[in-house]
Amino acid sequence: MTIRALPLRLLLGLAIAAGAVWLALHRGQLDPAVIEEAIRSLGAWGPVAHVALFALGTVLFVPGALFGLAGGVLFGPVWGTLLNLAGATLGATAAFLVARYVAADWVRQKAGARLARLIAGVEAEGWRFVALTRLVPLVPFNLLNYALGLTRIHVASYALTSLVCMAPGALAYTWLGYAGREAMAGNDAAIRYGLAGLGLLAAVAFVPRLLQRFRSDEAGRFNETGLPAGVEPRER
């Protein structure tokens, strides 16, 4: 880090920290209805504002579910999913870059012992570890973005893997938000929409664990020689 760049990076780090603290102390003011009305009032600029707010909220540790549900309410299941996914990916990438180039020391202090395990895992597995932590919430989403920024994984691999692996969750929250909107409008099909969203959330939570169980079972079928369990290699 050059001496000239130090003040700018320090200022940016302090601004992010101050914003996160302020939002933590005023979390009750984050009214979804107010956010939705503000975005709706922007007309054609609403989708851009939603993506920008989602990204900024991710950097400032605002729960992504707040914007995910709002996206379903405002833009429906298709466009809402795309916009939510864009906002979540931009926010995750921004936090990743902040951790890598601005606030490495602060992130290390906040993450503690979990960070060492994350770094070790990413260094060994690369994008595969990013995929695992996106699909299985081992670490809170907002903190994970910063923690992964301290590793040596390439930013393009991180962003692409995050985009793909966050898609099921983005779809689930968007669908739930859309179901809520339809229920308020008196649409009888809203219950089916809600159940579909809940089912997708359950899949996001449990399918990775089932895959891990399957891999463990498959590994147990083979002995250390690479042959099926119970089969000994023939002597030459």
C-alpha atoms as a PDB file:
ATOM      1  CA  MET A   1       0.000   0.000   0.000  1.00  0.00           C
ATOM      2  CA  THR A   2       1.462   3.375  -1.025  1.00  0.00           C
ATOM      3  CA  ILE A   3       1.594   6.362   1.334  1.00  0.00           C
ATOM      4  CA  ARG A   4      -0.541   8.377  -1.090  1.00  0.00           C
ATOM      5  CA  ALA A   5      -3.294   5.747  -1.170  1.00  0.00           C
ATOM      6  CA  LEU A   6      -3.337   5.206   2.598  1.00  0.00           C
ATOM      7  CA  PRO A   7      -5.544   8.208   3.568  1.00  0.00           C
ATOM      8  CA  LEU A   8      -8.160   7.381   0.914  1.00  0.00           C
ATOM      9  CA  ARG A   9      -8.346   3.731   1.919  1.00  0.00           C
ATOM     10  CA  LEU A  10      -8.470   4.636   5.587  1.00  0.00           C
ATOM     11  CA  LEU A  11     -11.296   7.099   4.934  1.00  0.00           C
ATOM     12  CA  LEU A  12     -13.260   4.513   2.984  1.00  0.00           C
ATOM     13  CA  GLY A  13     -12.776   1.917   5.703  1.00  0.00           C
ATOM     14  CA  LEU A  14     -13.926   4.336   8.396  1.00  0.00           C
ATOM     15  CA  ALA A  15     -16.975   5.330   6.330  1.00  0.00           C
ATOM     16  CA  ILE A  16     -18.021   1.690   5.916  1.00  0.00           C
ATOM     17  CA  ALA A  17     -17.477   0.967   9.607  1.00  0.00           C
ATOM     18  CA  ALA A  18     -19.444   4.071  10.634  1.00  0.00           C
ATOM     19  CA  GLY A  19     -22.295   3.188   8.284  1.00  0.00           C
ATOM     20  CA  ALA A  20     -22.468  -0.372   9.593  1.00  0.00           C
ATOM     21  CA  VAL A  21     -22.514   0.820  13.206  1.00  0.00           C
ATOM     22  CA  TRP A  22     -25.205   3.419  12.513  1.00  0.00           C
ATOM     23  CA  LEU A  23     -27.419   0.859  10.778  1.00  0.00           C
ATOM     24  CA  ALA A  24     -26.880  -1.608  13.629  1.00  0.00           C
ATOM     25  CA  LEU A  25     -28.047   1.002  16.135  1.00  0.00           C
ATOM     26  CA  HIS A  26     -31.031   2.055  13.981  1.00  0.00           C
ATOM     27  CA  ARG A  27     -32.036  -1.329  12.618  1.00  0.00           C
ATOM     28  CA  GLY A  28     -35.648  -0.660  13.583  1.00  0.00           C
ATOM     29  CA  GLN A  29     -35.814   2.157  11.027  1.00  0.00           C
ATOM     30  CA  LEU A  30     -35.198  -0.245   8.144  1.00  0.00           C
ATOM     31  CA  ASP A  31     -38.902  -0.569   7.368  1.00  0.00           C
ATOM     32  CA  PRO A  32     -39.457  -2.760   4.279  1.00  0.00           C
ATOM     33  CA  ALA A  33     -42.583  -0.803   3.374  1.00  0.00           C
ATOM     34  CA  VAL A  34     -40.647   2.480   3.355  1.00  0.00           C
ATOM     35  CA  ILE A  35     -37.885   0.992   1.213  1.00  0.00           C
ATOM     36  CA  GLU A  36     -40.385  -0.460  -1.252  1.00  0.00           C
ATOM     37  CA  GLU A  37     -42.270   2.840  -1.537  1.00  0.00           C
ATOM     38  CA  ALA A  38     -39.053   4.800  -2.094  1.00  0.00           C
ATOM     39  CA  ILE A  39     -37.938   2.453  -4.872  1.00  0.00           C
ATOM     40  CA  ARG A  40     -41.389   2.411  -6.468  1.00  0.00           C
ATOM     41  CA  SER A  41     -41.463   6.220  -6.540  1.00  0.00           C
ATOM     42  CA  LEU A  42     -38.381   6.288  -8.780  1.00  0.00           C
ATOM     43  CA  GLY A  43     -40.262   4.816 -11.698  1.00  0.00           C
ATOM     44  CA  ALA A  44     -37.943   3.558 -14.442  1.00  0.00           C
ATOM     45  CA  TRP A  45     -34.937   4.081 -12.166  1.00  0.00           C
ATOM     46  CA  GLY A  46     -36.428   1.780  -9.545  1.00  0.00           C
ATOM     47  CA  PRO A  47     -34.624  -1.392 -10.683  1.00  0.00           C
ATOM     48  CA  VAL A  48     -31.272   0.414 -10.716  1.00  0.00           C
ATOM     49  CA  ALA A  49     -31.928   1.843  -7.264  1.00  0.00           C
ATOM     50  CA  HIS A  50     -32.904  -1.585  -5.934  1.00  0.00           C
ATOM     51  CA  VAL A  51     -29.681  -3.187  -7.171  1.00  0.00           C
ATOM     52  CA  ALA A  52     -27.618  -0.298  -5.783  1.00  0.00           C
ATOM     53  CA  LEU A  53     -29.325  -0.419  -2.384  1.00  0.00           C
ATOM     54  CA  PHE A  54     -28.970  -4.200  -2.213  1.00  0.00           C
ATOM     55  CA  ALA A  55     -25.247  -3.908  -2.960  1.00  0.00           C
ATOM     56  CA  LEU A  56     -24.734  -1.080  -0.458  1.00  0.00           C
ATOM     57  CA  GLY A  57     -26.718  -2.923   2.204  1.00  0.00           C
ATOM     58  CA  THR A  58     -24.548  -6.002   1.712  1.00  0.00           C
ATOM     59  CA  VAL A  59     -21.409  -3.951   2.300  1.00  0.00           C
ATOM     60  CA  LEU A  60     -22.958  -2.414   5.433  1.00  0.00           C
ATOM     61  CA  PHE A  61     -24.134  -5.743   6.927  1.00  0.00           C
ATOM     62  CA  VAL A  62     -27.852  -5.216   6.248  1.00  0.00           C
ATOM     63  CA  PRO A  63     -29.644  -8.614   6.040  1.00  0.00           C
ATOM     64  CA  GLY A  64     -30.039  -9.592   2.398  1.00  0.00           C
ATOM     65  CA  ALA A  65     -33.481 -11.092   3.049  1.00  0.00           C
ATOM     66  CA  LEU A  66     -34.828  -7.547   3.469  1.00  0.00           C
ATOM     67  CA  PHE A  67     -34.011  -6.644  -0.127  1.00  0.00           C
ATOM     68  CA  GLY A  68     -34.673 -10.143  -1.444  1.00  0.00           C
ATOM     69  CA  LEU A  69     -38.289 -10.053  -0.314  1.00  0.00           C
ATOM     70  CA  ALA A  70     -38.668  -6.460  -1.531  1.00  0.00           C
ATOM     71  CA  GLY A  71     -37.462  -7.491  -4.966  1.00  0.00           C
ATOM     72  CA  GLY A  72     -40.236 -10.074  -5.222  1.00  0.00           C
ATOM     73  CA  VAL A  73     -42.850  -7.562  -4.112  1.00  0.00           C
ATOM     74  CA  LEU A  74     -41.700  -4.837  -6.509  1.00  0.00           C
ATOM     75  CA  PHE A  75     -40.635  -6.689  -9.631  1.00  0.00           C
ATOM     76  CA  GLY A  76     -42.224 -10.136  -9.574  1.00  0.00           C
ATOM     77  CA  PRO A  77     -40.576 -13.565  -9.557  1.00  0.00           C
ATOM     78  CA  VAL A  78     -38.503 -13.302 -12.753  1.00  0.00           C
ATOM     79  CA  TRP A  79     -37.163  -9.757 -12.815  1.00  0.00           C
ATOM     80  CA  GLY A  80     -37.062  -9.714  -9.038  1.00  0.00           C
ATOM     81  CA  THR A  81     -34.781 -12.751  -8.981  1.00  0.00           C
ATOM     82  CA  LEU A  82     -32.454 -11.271 -11.606  1.00  0.00           C
ATOM     83  CA  LEU A  83     -32.259  -7.902  -9.839  1.00  0.00           C
ATOM     84  CA  ASN A  84     -31.792  -9.493  -6.413  1.00  0.00           C
ATOM     85  CA  LEU A  85     -29.038 -11.710  -7.744  1.00  0.00           C
ATOM     86  CA  ALA A  86     -27.325  -8.743  -9.394  1.00  0.00           C
ATOM     87  CA  GLY A  87     -27.472  -6.697  -6.187  1.00  0.00           C
ATOM     88  CA  ALA A  88     -26.259  -9.556  -4.003  1.00  0.00           C
ATOM     89  CA  THR A  89     -23.365 -10.354  -6.362  1.00  0.00           C
ATOM     90  CA  LEU A  90     -22.289  -6.716  -6.685  1.00  0.00           C
ATOM     91  CA  GLY A  91     -22.472  -6.264  -2.921  1.00  0.00           C
ATOM     92  CA  ALA A  92     -20.580  -9.468  -2.216  1.00  0.00           C
ATOM     93  CA  THR A  93     -17.870  -8.510  -4.702  1.00  0.00           C
ATOM     94  CA  ALA A  94     -17.610  -4.986  -3.298  1.00  0.00           C
ATOM     95  CA  ALA A  95     -17.197  -6.308   0.256  1.00  0.00           C
ATOM     96  CA  PHE A  96     -14.623  -8.802  -1.044  1.00  0.00           C
ATOM     97  CA  LEU A  97     -12.589  -5.980  -2.618  1.00  0.00           C
ATOM     98  CA  VAL A  98     -12.906  -3.758   0.456  1.00  0.00           C
ATOM     99  CA  ALA A  99     -11.503  -6.530   2.624  1.00  0.00           C
ATOM    100  CA  ARG A 100      -8.672  -7.228   0.199  1.00  0.00           C
ATOM    101  CA  TYR A 101      -7.535  -3.653  -0.374  1.00  0.00           C
ATOM    102  CA  VAL A 102      -8.886  -1.493   2.450  1.00  0.00           C
ATOM    103  CA  ALA A 103      -9.860  -3.130   5.737  1.00  0.00           C
ATOM    104  CA  ALA A 104      -7.855  -6.335   6.080  1.00  0.00           C
ATOM    105  CA  ASP A 105      -6.830  -5.722   9.710  1.00  0.00           C
ATOM    106  CA  TRP A 106     -10.362  -4.807  10.807  1.00  0.00           C
ATOM    107  CA  VAL A 107     -11.848  -7.892   9.132  1.00  0.00           C
ATOM    108  CA  ARG A 108      -9.283 -10.171  10.802  1.00  0.00           C
ATOM    109  CA  GLN A 109     -10.161  -8.778  14.226  1.00  0.00           C
ATOM    110  CA  LYS A 110     -13.892  -9.176  13.621  1.00  0.00           C
ATOM    111  CA  ALA A 111     -13.775 -12.668  12.131  1.00  0.00           C
ATOM    112  CA  GLY A 112     -11.391 -14.225  14.668  1.00  0.00           C
ATOM    113  CA  ALA A 113     -10.783 -17.963  14.670  1.00  0.00           C
ATOM    114  CA  ARG A 114     -13.334 -18.706  11.968  1.00  0.00           C
ATOM    115  CA  LEU A 115     -11.288 -16.685   9.512  1.00  0.00           C
ATOM    116  CA  ALA A 116      -8.232 -18.923   9.800  1.00  0.00           C
ATOM    117  CA  ARG A 117     -10.326 -21.956   8.871  1.00  0.00           C
ATOM    118  CA  LEU A 118     -11.887 -20.134   5.935  1.00  0.00           C
ATOM    119  CA  ILE A 119      -8.533 -19.021   4.569  1.00  0.00           C
ATOM    120  CA  ALA A 120      -7.088 -22.510   4.886  1.00  0.00           C
ATOM    121  CA  GLY A 121     -10.089 -24.011   3.124  1.00  0.00           C
ATOM    122  CA  VAL A 122     -10.071 -21.516   0.271  1.00  0.00           C
ATOM    123  CA  GLU A 123      -6.331 -21.844  -0.270  1.00  0.00           C
ATOM    124  CA  ALA A 124      -6.773 -25.606  -0.607  1.00  0.00           C
ATOM    125  CA  GLU A 125     -10.017 -25.761  -2.614  1.00  0.00           C
ATOM    126  CA  GLY A 126     -10.330 -22.399  -4.398  1.00  0.00           C
ATOM    127  CA  TRP A 127     -13.714 -21.753  -6.023  1.00  0.00           C
ATOM    128  CA  ARG A 128     -15.069 -25.082  -4.749  1.00  0.00           C
ATOM    129  CA  PHE A 129     -14.808 -23.820  -1.175  1.00  0.00           C
ATOM    130  CA  VAL A 130     -16.595 -20.602  -2.153  1.00  0.00           C
ATOM    131  CA  ALA A 131     -19.389 -22.712  -3.652  1.00  0.00           C
ATOM    132  CA  LEU A 132     -19.669 -24.783  -0.476  1.00  0.00           C
ATOM    133  CA  THR A 133     -19.897 -21.758   1.807  1.00  0.00           C
ATOM    134  CA  ARG A 134     -22.516 -20.159  -0.448  1.00  0.00           C
ATOM    135  CA  LEU A 135     -24.688 -23.254  -0.535  1.00  0.00           C
ATOM    136  CA  VAL A 136     -24.167 -24.242   3.115  1.00  0.00           C
ATOM    137  CA  PRO A 137     -24.276 -21.198   5.448  1.00  0.00           C
ATOM    138  CA  LEU A 138     -21.286 -22.058   7.637  1.00  0.00           C
ATOM    139  CA  VAL A 139     -20.607 -18.338   8.202  1.00  0.00           C
ATOM    140  CA  PRO A 140     -23.086 -15.411   8.006  1.00  0.00           C
ATOM    141  CA  PHE A 141     -23.353 -14.119   4.432  1.00  0.00           C
ATOM    142  CA  ASN A 142     -22.204 -10.536   5.013  1.00  0.00           C
ATOM    143  CA  LEU A 143     -19.206 -11.541   7.117  1.00  0.00           C
ATOM    144  CA  LEU A 144     -18.279 -14.276   4.654  1.00  0.00           C
ATOM    145  CA  ASN A 145     -17.895 -11.726   1.853  1.00  0.00           C
ATOM    146  CA  TYR A 146     -15.257  -9.842   3.823  1.00  0.00           C
ATOM    147  CA  ALA A 147     -13.523 -12.959   5.092  1.00  0.00           C
ATOM    148  CA  LEU A 148     -13.069 -14.383   1.598  1.00  0.00           C
ATOM    149  CA  GLY A 149     -11.484 -11.120   0.496  1.00  0.00           C
ATOM    150  CA  LEU A 150      -8.463 -11.949   2.645  1.00  0.00           C
ATOM    151  CA  THR A 151      -7.696 -15.072   0.631  1.00  0.00           C
ATOM    152  CA  ARG A 152      -5.769 -15.349  -2.635  1.00  0.00           C
ATOM    153  CA  ILE A 153      -8.724 -16.533  -4.706  1.00  0.00           C
ATOM    154  CA  HIS A 154      -9.116 -14.587  -7.962  1.00  0.00           C
ATOM    155  CA  VAL A 155     -11.884 -11.998  -7.882  1.00  0.00           C
ATOM    156  CA  ALA A 156     -13.426 -13.259 -11.151  1.00  0.00           C
ATOM    157  CA  SER A 157     -13.673 -16.825  -9.814  1.00  0.00           C
ATOM    158  CA  TYR A 158     -15.159 -15.528  -6.567  1.00  0.00           C
ATOM    159  CA  ALA A 159     -17.767 -13.373  -8.322  1.00  0.00           C
ATOM    160  CA  LEU A 160     -18.822 -16.042 -10.830  1.00  0.00           C
ATOM    161  CA  THR A 161     -19.055 -18.786  -8.215  1.00  0.00           C
ATOM    162  CA  SER A 162     -21.050 -16.498  -5.917  1.00  0.00           C
ATOM    163  CA  LEU A 163     -23.403 -15.569  -8.746  1.00  0.00           C
ATOM    164  CA  VAL A 164     -24.173 -19.186  -9.600  1.00  0.00           C
ATOM    165  CA  CYS A 165     -24.414 -20.523  -6.055  1.00  0.00           C
ATOM    166  CA  MET A 166     -26.518 -17.650  -4.708  1.00  0.00           C
ATOM    167  CA  ALA A 167     -29.136 -18.105  -7.448  1.00  0.00           C
ATOM    168  CA  PRO A 168     -31.299 -20.688  -5.589  1.00  0.00           C
ATOM    169  CA  GLY A 169     -31.486 -18.527  -2.463  1.00  0.00           C
ATOM    170  CA  ALA A 170     -32.246 -15.398  -4.497  1.00  0.00           C
ATOM    171  CA  LEU A 171     -35.065 -17.212  -6.280  1.00  0.00           C
ATOM    172  CA  ALA A 172     -36.516 -18.506  -3.004  1.00  0.00           C
ATOM    173  CA  TYR A 173     -36.643 -15.136  -1.256  1.00  0.00           C
ATOM    174  CA  THR A 174     -37.969 -13.411  -4.367  1.00  0.00           C
ATOM    175  CA  TRP A 175     -40.719 -16.011  -4.687  1.00  0.00           C
ATOM    176  CA  LEU A 176     -41.714 -15.537  -1.069  1.00  0.00           C
ATOM    177  CA  GLY A 177     -41.892 -11.765  -1.539  1.00  0.00           C
ATOM    178  CA  TYR A 178     -44.009 -12.228  -4.649  1.00  0.00           C
ATOM    179  CA  ALA A 179     -46.299 -14.621  -2.786  1.00  0.00           C
ATOM    180  CA  GLY A 180     -46.815 -12.023  -0.075  1.00  0.00           C
ATOM    181  CA  ARG A 181     -47.766  -9.405  -2.648  1.00  0.00           C
ATOM    182  CA  GLU A 182     -50.250 -11.734  -4.328  1.00  0.00           C
ATOM    183  CA  ALA A 183     -51.755 -12.707  -0.979  1.00  0.00           C
ATOM    184  CA  MET A 184     -52.358  -9.045  -0.154  1.00  0.00           C
ATOM    185  CA  ALA A 185     -54.060  -8.657  -3.529  1.00  0.00           C
ATOM    186  CA  GLY A 186     -56.405 -11.564  -2.756  1.00  0.00           C
ATOM    187  CA  ASN A 187     -54.883 -14.037  -5.193  1.00  0.00           C
ATOM    188  CA  ASP A 188     -55.819 -17.550  -4.098  1.00  0.00           C
ATOM    189  CA  ALA A 189     -52.716 -18.972  -5.770  1.00  0.00           C
ATOM    190  CA  ALA A 190     -50.490 -17.048  -3.352  1.00  0.00           C
ATOM    191  CA  ILE A 191     -50.440 -19.983  -0.933  1.00  0.00           C
ATOM    192  CA  ARG A 192     -48.936 -22.182  -3.649  1.00  0.00           C
ATOM    193  CA  TYR A 193     -46.355 -19.515  -4.422  1.00  0.00           C
ATOM    194  CA  GLY A 194     -45.415 -19.294  -0.764  1.00  0.00           C
ATOM    195  CA  LEU A 195     -45.143 -23.055  -0.376  1.00  0.00           C
ATOM    196  CA  ALA A 196     -42.960 -23.211  -3.483  1.00  0.00           C
ATOM    197  CA  GLY A 197     -40.656 -20.580  -2.024  1.00  0.00           C
ATOM    198  CA  LEU A 198     -40.446 -22.365   1.311  1.00  0.00           C
ATOM    199  CA  GLY A 199     -39.743 -25.634  -0.470  1.00  0.00           C
ATOM    200  CA  LEU A 200     -36.909 -24.032  -2.409  1.00  0.00           C
ATOM    201  CA  LEU A 201     -35.451 -22.588   0.784  1.00  0.00           C
ATOM    202  CA  ALA A 202     -35.546 -26.049   2.327  1.00  0.00           C
ATOM    203  CA  ALA A 203     -33.781 -27.450  -0.732  1.00  0.00           C
ATOM    204  CA  VAL A 204     -31.083 -24.800  -0.482  1.00  0.00           C
ATOM    205  CA  ALA A 205     -30.559 -25.729   3.156  1.00  0.00           C
ATOM    206  CA  PHE A 206     -30.594 -29.523   2.899  1.00  0.00           C
ATOM    207  CA  VAL A 207     -29.557 -30.606  -0.604  1.00  0.00           C
ATOM    208  CA  PRO A 208     -25.860 -29.696  -0.090  1.00  0.00           C
ATOM    209  CA  ARG A 209     -25.825 -31.767   3.086  1.00  0.00           C
ATOM    210  CA  LEU A 210     -27.383 -34.686   1.255  1.00  0.00           C
ATOM    211  CA  LEU A 211     -24.735 -34.400  -1.451  1.00  0.00           C
ATOM    212  CA  GLN A 212     -22.023 -34.365   1.192  1.00  0.00           C
ATOM    213  CA  ARG A 213     -23.546 -37.461   2.794  1.00  0.00           C
ATOM    214  CA  PHE A 214     -23.644 -39.143  -0.604  1.00  0.00           C
ATOM    215  CA  ARG A 215     -19.984 -38.364  -1.230  1.00  0.00           C
ATOM    216  CA  SER A 216     -19.073 -39.754   2.184  1.00  0.00           C
ATOM    217  CA  ASP A 217     -21.009 -42.948   1.477  1.00  0.00           C
ATOM    218  CA  GLU A 218     -19.342 -43.288  -1.906  1.00  0.00           C
ATOM    219  CA  ALA A 219     -15.905 -42.833  -0.338  1.00  0.00           C
ATOM    220  CA  GLY A 220     -16.731 -45.516   2.221  1.00  0.00           C
ATOM    221  CA  ARG A 221     -17.405 -48.030  -0.533  1.00  0.00           C
ATOM    222  CA  PHE A 222     -13.734 -48.044  -1.514  1.00  0.00           C
ATOM    223  CA  ASN A 223     -10.748 -49.091   0.537  1.00  0.00           C
ATOM    224  CA  GLU A 224      -7.406 -47.323   0.666  1.00  0.00           C
ATOM    225  CA  THR A 225      -6.200 -49.181  -2.457  1.00  0.00           C
ATOM    226  CA  GLY A 226      -8.989 -47.648  -4.534  1.00  0.00           C
ATOM    227  CA  LEU A 227     -10.845 -50.954  -4.849  1.00  0.00           C
ATOM    228  CA  PRO A 228     -14.370 -51.591  -3.563  1.00  0.00           C
ATOM    229  CA  ALA A 229     -14.519 -52.233   0.167  1.00  0.00           C
ATOM    230  CA  GLY A 230     -13.808 -55.853   1.039  1.00  0.00           C
ATOM    231  CA  VAL A 231     -11.814 -56.497  -2.140  1.00  0.00           C
ATOM    232  CA  GLU A 232      -8.090 -57.018  -1.671  1.00  0.00           C
ATOM    233  CA  PRO A 233      -5.613 -56.438  -4.511  1.00  0.00           C
ATOM    234  CA  ARG A 234      -4.160 -59.591  -6.077  1.00  0.00           C
ATOM    235  CA  GLU A 235      -0.531 -60.281  -5.484  1.00  0.00           C
ATOM    236  CA  ARG A 236       1.665 -60.190  -8.527  1.00  0.00           C
END
